[in-house]
Amino acid sequence: MAGLKESFRGQCNLHIYFAEQYLGQLDSTDANEWGGHIQRATTDSIVWQLLLAYQCHLADVIDQQPKFALTLPQGQFNARSFVADDLPPELEELAGREVEPGWLEVIVNYAFIQTTAASPAPRGVLAWDGQIENAPKPDLAVCLHELKSMIARHRATLMEY
């Protein structure tokens, strides 16, 4: 079981590293690459890596606190996925933050699939990707920084257990 702790942390660190690499590429690429879709693809890749890092961090929190006897759900999950009478304080904190406007809500609720239901297509446009050019874009550098800070804070707290 000792190998799993390093594994969750290692996976988390790896996804943070990939997010940093993609973030560095976001503004340094030609916006016309991939038929003009490079910005969207890179943004999606950053958020995906942040989401995976977040899930690995949750797994690490659970693994580090065996007194709560929680098991990881199958597939994608977040802090709100855990339902028990007694949860680690980190999960309770994060479950609340996942629904509040802010960096964590951006990561957890990011719309990887754009739908025209989210915003109506301009008249006369047959094919449209659902995005509005002036729609606010998430500040991914802030999301990355806040996620790394939160992970460091939780890891320091977990050392006390």
N, C-alpha and C. Protein backbone atom coordinates (compact mmCIF):
# COMPACT_ATOMS: atom_id res chain seq x y z
N MET A 1 0.81 -1.19 0.00
CA MET A 1 0.00 0.00 0.00
C MET A 1 0.86 1.26 0.00
N ALA A 2 2.09 1.18 0.47
CA ALA A 2 2.95 2.36 0.53
C ALA A 2 3.23 2.91 -0.87
N GLY A 3 3.29 2.05 -1.86
CA GLY A 3 3.54 2.49 -3.22
C GLY A 3 2.42 3.34 -3.79
N LEU A 4 1.18 3.14 -3.32
CA LEU A 4 0.06 3.91 -3.82
C LEU A 4 0.18 5.38 -3.44
N LYS A 5 0.65 5.67 -2.24
CA LYS A 5 0.79 7.07 -1.81
C LYS A 5 1.70 7.82 -2.78
N GLU A 6 2.87 7.25 -3.06
CA GLU A 6 3.77 7.89 -4.01
C GLU A 6 3.12 7.95 -5.38
N SER A 7 2.37 6.94 -5.74
CA SER A 7 1.75 6.89 -7.05
C SER A 7 0.74 8.03 -7.22
N PHE A 8 -0.13 8.24 -6.25
CA PHE A 8 -1.11 9.32 -6.36
C PHE A 8 -0.40 10.68 -6.41
N ARG A 9 0.57 10.85 -5.55
CA ARG A 9 1.33 12.11 -5.53
C ARG A 9 2.13 12.28 -6.82
N GLY A 10 2.74 11.19 -7.25
CA GLY A 10 3.51 11.24 -8.49
C GLY A 10 2.64 11.58 -9.68
N GLN A 11 1.46 10.95 -9.76
CA GLN A 11 0.53 11.26 -10.85
C GLN A 11 0.09 12.72 -10.78
N CYS A 12 -0.21 13.18 -9.59
CA CYS A 12 -0.62 14.57 -9.40
C CYS A 12 0.49 15.52 -9.89
N ASN A 13 1.70 15.25 -9.46
CA ASN A 13 2.84 16.09 -9.86
C ASN A 13 3.04 16.06 -11.37
N LEU A 14 2.86 14.90 -11.98
CA LEU A 14 3.02 14.77 -13.43
C LEU A 14 1.98 15.60 -14.17
N HIS A 15 0.73 15.55 -13.72
CA HIS A 15 -0.32 16.33 -14.38
C HIS A 15 -0.12 17.83 -14.19
N ILE A 16 0.40 18.23 -13.04
CA ILE A 16 0.75 19.64 -12.82
C ILE A 16 1.84 20.06 -13.82
N TYR A 17 2.84 19.19 -13.97
CA TYR A 17 3.94 19.47 -14.90
C TYR A 17 3.41 19.64 -16.33
N PHE A 18 2.52 18.73 -16.76
CA PHE A 18 1.96 18.83 -18.11
C PHE A 18 1.14 20.12 -18.26
N ALA A 19 0.38 20.49 -17.25
CA ALA A 19 -0.41 21.73 -17.30
C ALA A 19 0.53 22.93 -17.46
N GLU A 20 1.64 22.92 -16.74
CA GLU A 20 2.61 24.01 -16.86
C GLU A 20 3.18 24.07 -18.28
N GLN A 21 3.46 22.91 -18.87
CA GLN A 21 4.01 22.88 -20.22
C GLN A 21 3.00 23.44 -21.23
N TYR A 22 1.76 23.00 -21.13
CA TYR A 22 0.72 23.50 -22.03
C TYR A 22 0.50 25.00 -21.83
N LEU A 23 0.52 25.45 -20.59
CA LEU A 23 0.32 26.87 -20.31
C LEU A 23 1.41 27.70 -20.98
N GLY A 24 2.63 27.20 -20.94
CA GLY A 24 3.73 27.88 -21.60
C GLY A 24 3.56 27.96 -23.11
N GLN A 25 2.85 27.00 -23.68
CA GLN A 25 2.62 26.98 -25.13
C GLN A 25 1.42 27.82 -25.55
N LEU A 26 0.54 28.13 -24.61
CA LEU A 26 -0.74 28.77 -24.94
C LEU A 26 -0.56 30.07 -25.72
N ASP A 27 0.32 30.93 -25.26
CA ASP A 27 0.50 32.22 -25.93
C ASP A 27 1.65 32.24 -26.91
N SER A 28 2.41 31.16 -26.97
CA SER A 28 3.57 31.15 -27.85
C SER A 28 3.30 30.48 -29.20
N THR A 29 2.09 30.00 -29.40
CA THR A 29 1.78 29.33 -30.67
C THR A 29 1.03 30.29 -31.60
N ASP A 30 1.14 30.02 -32.86
CA ASP A 30 0.43 30.80 -33.88
C ASP A 30 -1.05 30.44 -33.80
N ALA A 31 -1.88 31.44 -33.62
CA ALA A 31 -3.33 31.22 -33.46
C ALA A 31 -3.96 30.55 -34.68
N ASN A 32 -3.27 30.55 -35.80
CA ASN A 32 -3.83 29.93 -37.01
C ASN A 32 -3.52 28.44 -37.12
N GLU A 33 -2.65 27.93 -36.22
CA GLU A 33 -2.33 26.51 -36.27
C GLU A 33 -3.58 25.68 -36.05
N TRP A 34 -3.56 24.49 -36.58
CA TRP A 34 -4.67 23.54 -36.48
C TRP A 34 -5.97 24.19 -36.95
N GLY A 35 -5.87 24.94 -38.04
CA GLY A 35 -7.06 25.56 -38.60
C GLY A 35 -7.70 26.57 -37.66
N GLY A 36 -6.91 27.18 -36.80
CA GLY A 36 -7.42 28.17 -35.87
C GLY A 36 -7.93 27.59 -34.57
N HIS A 37 -7.73 26.29 -34.37
CA HIS A 37 -8.25 25.62 -33.18
C HIS A 37 -7.18 25.36 -32.11
N ILE A 38 -5.95 25.81 -32.32
CA ILE A 38 -4.87 25.49 -31.40
C ILE A 38 -5.11 26.08 -30.01
N GLN A 39 -5.65 27.29 -29.94
CA GLN A 39 -5.91 27.90 -28.63
C GLN A 39 -6.93 27.08 -27.84
N ARG A 40 -7.99 26.66 -28.51
CA ARG A 40 -9.01 25.85 -27.83
C ARG A 40 -8.44 24.51 -27.40
N ALA A 41 -7.68 23.87 -28.28
CA ALA A 41 -7.10 22.56 -27.96
C ALA A 41 -6.12 22.66 -26.79
N THR A 42 -5.32 23.71 -26.78
CA THR A 42 -4.35 23.89 -25.71
C THR A 42 -5.05 24.22 -24.40
N THR A 43 -6.06 25.07 -24.46
CA THR A 43 -6.83 25.41 -23.27
C THR A 43 -7.49 24.17 -22.68
N ASP A 44 -8.13 23.38 -23.54
CA ASP A 44 -8.75 22.13 -23.08
C ASP A 44 -7.72 21.21 -22.44
N SER A 45 -6.53 21.13 -23.03
CA SER A 45 -5.48 20.27 -22.50
C SER A 45 -5.01 20.73 -21.13
N ILE A 46 -4.90 22.04 -20.96
CA ILE A 46 -4.49 22.58 -19.65
C ILE A 46 -5.53 22.21 -18.60
N VAL A 47 -6.79 22.49 -18.90
CA VAL A 47 -7.85 22.22 -17.91
C VAL A 47 -7.93 20.73 -17.62
N TRP A 48 -7.79 19.90 -18.63
CA TRP A 48 -7.84 18.45 -18.42
C TRP A 48 -6.72 18.01 -17.47
N GLN A 49 -5.52 18.53 -17.67
CA GLN A 49 -4.40 18.18 -16.80
C GLN A 49 -4.64 18.69 -15.37
N LEU A 50 -5.21 19.88 -15.24
CA LEU A 50 -5.54 20.40 -13.91
C LEU A 50 -6.59 19.54 -13.22
N LEU A 51 -7.58 19.12 -13.99
CA LEU A 51 -8.64 18.27 -13.44
C LEU A 51 -8.06 16.92 -12.99
N LEU A 52 -7.19 16.33 -13.79
CA LEU A 52 -6.57 15.06 -13.41
C LEU A 52 -5.67 15.23 -12.18
N ALA A 53 -4.93 16.33 -12.12
CA ALA A 53 -4.10 16.60 -10.94
C ALA A 53 -4.99 16.74 -9.71
N TYR A 54 -6.11 17.40 -9.84
CA TYR A 54 -7.04 17.58 -8.73
C TYR A 54 -7.58 16.22 -8.26
N GLN A 55 -7.97 15.37 -9.20
CA GLN A 55 -8.48 14.05 -8.83
C GLN A 55 -7.39 13.21 -8.16
N CYS A 56 -6.17 13.28 -8.64
CA CYS A 56 -5.07 12.55 -8.01
C CYS A 56 -4.81 13.09 -6.61
N HIS A 57 -4.95 14.39 -6.44
CA HIS A 57 -4.78 14.97 -5.10
C HIS A 57 -5.87 14.46 -4.16
N LEU A 58 -7.11 14.41 -4.64
CA LEU A 58 -8.20 13.87 -3.81
C LEU A 58 -7.89 12.42 -3.42
N ALA A 59 -7.41 11.63 -4.36
CA ALA A 59 -7.05 10.24 -4.08
C ALA A 59 -5.96 10.18 -3.03
N ASP A 60 -4.99 11.08 -3.12
CA ASP A 60 -3.90 11.11 -2.14
C ASP A 60 -4.44 11.48 -0.76
N VAL A 61 -5.33 12.45 -0.69
CA VAL A 61 -5.92 12.85 0.60
C VAL A 61 -6.62 11.66 1.24
N ILE A 62 -7.38 10.93 0.44
CA ILE A 62 -8.12 9.77 0.96
C ILE A 62 -7.15 8.68 1.40
N ASP A 63 -6.13 8.44 0.60
CA ASP A 63 -5.17 7.39 0.93
C ASP A 63 -4.36 7.74 2.17
N GLN A 64 -4.09 9.01 2.38
CA GLN A 64 -3.30 9.44 3.52
C GLN A 64 -4.10 9.43 4.83
N GLN A 65 -5.42 9.32 4.72
CA GLN A 65 -6.26 9.37 5.91
C GLN A 65 -7.13 8.11 6.00
N PRO A 66 -6.52 6.97 6.28
CA PRO A 66 -7.27 5.71 6.30
C PRO A 66 -8.33 5.63 7.40
N LYS A 67 -8.27 6.50 8.40
CA LYS A 67 -9.27 6.44 9.48
C LYS A 67 -10.68 6.72 8.96
N PHE A 68 -10.81 7.38 7.81
CA PHE A 68 -12.12 7.69 7.26
C PHE A 68 -12.70 6.54 6.42
N ALA A 69 -11.87 5.57 6.08
CA ALA A 69 -12.29 4.36 5.34
C ALA A 69 -13.09 4.68 4.08
N LEU A 70 -12.63 5.65 3.32
CA LEU A 70 -13.30 6.00 2.06
C LEU A 70 -12.64 5.24 0.92
N THR A 71 -13.42 4.91 -0.08
CA THR A 71 -12.88 4.29 -1.28
C THR A 71 -13.07 5.24 -2.45
N LEU A 72 -12.18 5.13 -3.40
CA LEU A 72 -12.26 5.99 -4.58
C LEU A 72 -13.39 5.53 -5.49
N PRO A 73 -14.19 6.47 -5.96
CA PRO A 73 -15.22 6.11 -6.94
C PRO A 73 -14.58 5.70 -8.27
N GLN A 74 -15.31 4.94 -9.05
CA GLN A 74 -14.84 4.59 -10.39
C GLN A 74 -15.04 5.78 -11.32
N GLY A 75 -14.17 5.92 -12.28
CA GLY A 75 -14.32 6.97 -13.28
C GLY A 75 -13.98 8.35 -12.73
N GLN A 76 -14.56 9.36 -13.36
CA GLN A 76 -14.31 10.74 -12.95
C GLN A 76 -15.03 11.05 -11.64
N PHE A 77 -14.40 11.85 -10.79
CA PHE A 77 -15.01 12.21 -9.52
C PHE A 77 -14.46 13.55 -9.06
N ASN A 78 -15.12 14.10 -8.06
CA ASN A 78 -14.66 15.31 -7.40
C ASN A 78 -14.97 15.19 -5.92
N ALA A 79 -14.73 16.22 -5.16
CA ALA A 79 -14.94 16.15 -3.71
C ALA A 79 -16.41 15.93 -3.36
N ARG A 80 -17.32 16.44 -4.19
CA ARG A 80 -18.75 16.26 -3.93
C ARG A 80 -19.20 14.82 -4.18
N SER A 81 -18.35 14.01 -4.79
CA SER A 81 -18.69 12.60 -5.06
C SER A 81 -18.69 11.76 -3.79
N PHE A 82 -18.05 12.25 -2.75
CA PHE A 82 -17.92 11.48 -1.51
C PHE A 82 -19.05 11.83 -0.56
N VAL A 83 -19.80 10.81 -0.18
CA VAL A 83 -20.91 11.01 0.75
C VAL A 83 -20.68 10.08 1.93
N ALA A 84 -20.48 10.68 3.08
CA ALA A 84 -20.27 9.92 4.32
C ALA A 84 -20.58 10.84 5.49
N ASP A 85 -20.86 10.24 6.63
CA ASP A 85 -21.13 11.04 7.82
C ASP A 85 -19.88 11.79 8.29
N ASP A 86 -18.73 11.18 8.07
CA ASP A 86 -17.47 11.77 8.52
C ASP A 86 -16.50 11.82 7.35
N LEU A 87 -16.20 13.02 6.90
CA LEU A 87 -15.27 13.20 5.79
C LEU A 87 -14.04 13.94 6.26
N PRO A 88 -12.91 13.72 5.60
CA PRO A 88 -11.72 14.51 5.92
C PRO A 88 -12.04 16.00 5.73
N PRO A 89 -11.49 16.85 6.57
CA PRO A 89 -11.77 18.29 6.45
C PRO A 89 -11.39 18.86 5.08
N GLU A 90 -10.37 18.29 4.46
CA GLU A 90 -9.97 18.76 3.12
C GLU A 90 -11.08 18.53 2.11
N LEU A 91 -11.75 17.37 2.19
CA LEU A 91 -12.84 17.08 1.25
C LEU A 91 -14.03 17.99 1.50
N GLU A 92 -14.33 18.27 2.76
CA GLU A 92 -15.44 19.17 3.07
C GLU A 92 -15.15 20.56 2.53
N GLU A 93 -13.93 21.03 2.71
CA GLU A 93 -13.53 22.35 2.19
C GLU A 93 -13.69 22.39 0.67
N LEU A 94 -13.17 21.38 0.00
CA LEU A 94 -13.17 21.37 -1.46
C LEU A 94 -14.56 21.20 -2.05
N ALA A 95 -15.40 20.40 -1.40
CA ALA A 95 -16.78 20.21 -1.89
C ALA A 95 -17.51 21.55 -1.95
N GLY A 96 -17.30 22.38 -0.94
CA GLY A 96 -17.91 23.70 -0.95
C GLY A 96 -17.33 24.61 -2.01
N ARG A 97 -16.03 24.54 -2.17
CA ARG A 97 -15.36 25.41 -3.15
C ARG A 97 -15.65 25.01 -4.60
N GLU A 98 -16.02 23.76 -4.81
CA GLU A 98 -16.32 23.31 -6.18
C GLU A 98 -17.55 24.01 -6.76
N VAL A 99 -18.45 24.48 -5.91
CA VAL A 99 -19.68 25.11 -6.41
C VAL A 99 -19.65 26.63 -6.27
N GLU A 100 -18.66 27.18 -5.58
CA GLU A 100 -18.53 28.62 -5.46
C GLU A 100 -17.78 29.16 -6.68
N PRO A 101 -18.17 30.34 -7.18
CA PRO A 101 -17.41 30.92 -8.30
C PRO A 101 -15.94 31.09 -7.91
N GLY A 102 -15.07 30.67 -8.79
CA GLY A 102 -13.63 30.77 -8.53
C GLY A 102 -12.87 29.74 -9.33
N TRP A 103 -11.60 29.65 -9.04
CA TRP A 103 -10.69 28.82 -9.82
C TRP A 103 -11.07 27.34 -9.79
N LEU A 104 -11.48 26.81 -8.64
CA LEU A 104 -11.80 25.38 -8.56
C LEU A 104 -13.08 25.06 -9.31
N GLU A 105 -14.05 25.93 -9.22
CA GLU A 105 -15.30 25.75 -9.96
C GLU A 105 -15.02 25.75 -11.46
N VAL A 106 -14.08 26.59 -11.91
CA VAL A 106 -13.70 26.63 -13.32
C VAL A 106 -13.15 25.28 -13.77
N ILE A 107 -12.28 24.70 -12.95
CA ILE A 107 -11.67 23.42 -13.30
C ILE A 107 -12.70 22.29 -13.31
N VAL A 108 -13.50 22.21 -12.26
CA VAL A 108 -14.44 21.10 -12.10
C VAL A 108 -15.60 21.18 -13.10
N ASN A 109 -16.02 22.39 -13.45
CA ASN A 109 -17.19 22.55 -14.32
C ASN A 109 -16.86 23.05 -15.71
N TYR A 110 -15.63 22.93 -16.13
CA TYR A 110 -15.22 23.40 -17.44
C TYR A 110 -16.00 22.68 -18.54
N ALA A 111 -16.49 23.45 -19.50
CA ALA A 111 -17.29 22.89 -20.60
C ALA A 111 -16.35 22.44 -21.73
N PHE A 112 -15.93 21.18 -21.66
CA PHE A 112 -15.08 20.66 -22.73
C PHE A 112 -15.86 20.56 -24.04
N ILE A 113 -17.14 20.26 -23.95
CA ILE A 113 -17.99 20.16 -25.13
C ILE A 113 -18.85 21.41 -25.19
N GLN A 114 -18.64 22.19 -26.23
CA GLN A 114 -19.44 23.39 -26.43
C GLN A 114 -20.75 23.01 -27.10
N THR A 115 -21.84 23.55 -26.61
CA THR A 115 -23.13 23.29 -27.22
C THR A 115 -23.77 24.60 -27.64
N THR A 116 -24.58 24.55 -28.66
CA THR A 116 -25.27 25.77 -29.09
C THR A 116 -26.36 26.13 -28.10
N ALA A 117 -26.76 25.20 -27.23
CA ALA A 117 -27.75 25.51 -26.21
C ALA A 117 -27.20 26.51 -25.20
N ALA A 118 -25.89 26.51 -25.01
CA ALA A 118 -25.27 27.42 -24.04
C ALA A 118 -25.41 28.87 -24.49
N SER A 119 -25.34 29.11 -25.78
CA SER A 119 -25.52 30.46 -26.32
C SER A 119 -25.95 30.32 -27.78
N PRO A 120 -26.97 31.08 -28.16
CA PRO A 120 -27.52 30.91 -29.51
C PRO A 120 -26.52 31.28 -30.60
N ALA A 121 -26.58 30.54 -31.69
CA ALA A 121 -25.71 30.81 -32.83
C ALA A 121 -26.16 32.09 -33.53
N PRO A 122 -25.22 32.82 -34.08
CA PRO A 122 -25.58 34.01 -34.85
C PRO A 122 -26.46 33.62 -36.03
N ARG A 123 -27.37 34.50 -36.40
CA ARG A 123 -28.28 34.22 -37.52
C ARG A 123 -27.49 33.98 -38.80
N GLY A 124 -27.94 33.01 -39.58
CA GLY A 124 -27.33 32.73 -40.86
C GLY A 124 -26.08 31.88 -40.80
N VAL A 125 -25.69 31.44 -39.63
CA VAL A 125 -24.50 30.61 -39.50
C VAL A 125 -24.92 29.15 -39.44
N LEU A 126 -24.46 28.36 -40.41
CA LEU A 126 -24.84 26.96 -40.46
C LEU A 126 -24.03 26.11 -39.50
N ALA A 127 -22.74 26.37 -39.43
CA ALA A 127 -21.87 25.60 -38.53
C ALA A 127 -21.23 26.57 -37.56
N TRP A 128 -21.39 26.29 -36.30
CA TRP A 128 -20.88 27.20 -35.28
C TRP A 128 -20.43 26.39 -34.10
N ASP A 129 -19.31 26.74 -33.46
CA ASP A 129 -18.77 25.92 -32.38
C ASP A 129 -19.34 26.26 -31.01
N GLY A 130 -20.29 27.17 -30.94
CA GLY A 130 -20.94 27.48 -29.67
C GLY A 130 -20.21 28.50 -28.83
N GLN A 131 -19.05 28.93 -29.26
CA GLN A 131 -18.30 29.90 -28.48
C GLN A 131 -18.62 31.31 -28.93
N ILE A 132 -18.64 32.22 -28.00
CA ILE A 132 -18.77 33.63 -28.31
C ILE A 132 -17.37 34.21 -28.18
N GLU A 133 -16.95 34.93 -29.19
CA GLU A 133 -15.57 35.42 -29.20
C GLU A 133 -15.25 36.29 -28.00
N ASN A 134 -16.23 37.03 -27.50
CA ASN A 134 -15.98 37.92 -26.37
C ASN A 134 -16.27 37.27 -25.02
N ALA A 135 -16.59 35.98 -25.02
CA ALA A 135 -16.88 35.29 -23.76
C ALA A 135 -15.63 35.30 -22.89
N PRO A 136 -15.81 35.49 -21.57
CA PRO A 136 -14.63 35.51 -20.70
C PRO A 136 -13.93 34.15 -20.71
N LYS A 137 -12.63 34.19 -20.82
CA LYS A 137 -11.84 32.96 -20.82
C LYS A 137 -11.28 32.78 -19.40
N PRO A 138 -11.24 31.54 -18.93
CA PRO A 138 -10.71 31.33 -17.58
C PRO A 138 -9.23 31.72 -17.51
N ASP A 139 -8.82 32.28 -16.40
CA ASP A 139 -7.41 32.60 -16.19
C ASP A 139 -6.72 31.33 -15.72
N LEU A 140 -6.17 30.59 -16.66
CA LEU A 140 -5.60 29.28 -16.36
C LEU A 140 -4.33 29.39 -15.53
N ALA A 141 -3.60 30.48 -15.66
CA ALA A 141 -2.41 30.66 -14.82
C ALA A 141 -2.83 30.78 -13.36
N VAL A 142 -3.92 31.48 -13.09
CA VAL A 142 -4.43 31.59 -11.72
C VAL A 142 -4.91 30.23 -11.23
N CYS A 143 -5.63 29.50 -12.09
CA CYS A 143 -6.11 28.16 -11.71
C CYS A 143 -4.94 27.25 -11.34
N LEU A 144 -3.90 27.27 -12.15
CA LEU A 144 -2.72 26.45 -11.88
C LEU A 144 -2.06 26.85 -10.58
N HIS A 145 -1.85 28.14 -10.40
CA HIS A 145 -1.20 28.63 -9.17
C HIS A 145 -2.01 28.26 -7.93
N GLU A 146 -3.32 28.48 -7.97
CA GLU A 146 -4.18 28.19 -6.82
C GLU A 146 -4.22 26.69 -6.52
N LEU A 147 -4.27 25.87 -7.57
CA LEU A 147 -4.28 24.42 -7.36
C LEU A 147 -2.97 23.97 -6.70
N LYS A 148 -1.85 24.48 -7.20
CA LYS A 148 -0.55 24.11 -6.61
C LYS A 148 -0.47 24.57 -5.16
N SER A 149 -0.96 25.76 -4.86
CA SER A 149 -0.93 26.27 -3.48
C SER A 149 -1.80 25.43 -2.57
N MET A 150 -2.99 25.07 -3.04
CA MET A 150 -3.90 24.26 -2.24
C MET A 150 -3.30 22.87 -1.99
N ILE A 151 -2.71 22.27 -3.01
CA ILE A 151 -2.08 20.96 -2.86
C ILE A 151 -0.95 21.04 -1.84
N ALA A 152 -0.11 22.06 -1.93
CA ALA A 152 1.00 22.21 -0.98
C ALA A 152 0.47 22.38 0.45
N ARG A 153 -0.58 23.16 0.60
CA ARG A 153 -1.16 23.38 1.94
C ARG A 153 -1.72 22.08 2.50
N HIS A 154 -2.45 21.34 1.67
CA HIS A 154 -3.02 20.07 2.13
C HIS A 154 -1.93 19.05 2.45
N ARG A 155 -0.91 18.99 1.63
CA ARG A 155 0.17 18.03 1.88
C ARG A 155 0.89 18.35 3.18
N ALA A 156 1.05 19.63 3.49
CA ALA A 156 1.68 20.00 4.76
C ALA A 156 0.80 19.57 5.92
N THR A 157 -0.50 19.71 5.76
CA THR A 157 -1.44 19.30 6.81
C THR A 157 -1.46 17.78 6.94
N LEU A 158 -1.41 17.07 5.82
CA LEU A 158 -1.45 15.60 5.86
C LEU A 158 -0.23 15.04 6.56
N MET A 159 0.87 15.76 6.58
CA MET A 159 2.08 15.28 7.26
C MET A 159 1.84 15.14 8.75
N GLU A 160 0.84 15.88 9.27
CA GLU A 160 0.54 15.83 10.70
C GLU A 160 -0.17 14.55 11.09
N TYR A 161 -0.80 13.86 10.14
CA TYR A 161 -1.58 12.67 10.47
C TYR A 161 -0.69 11.50 10.82
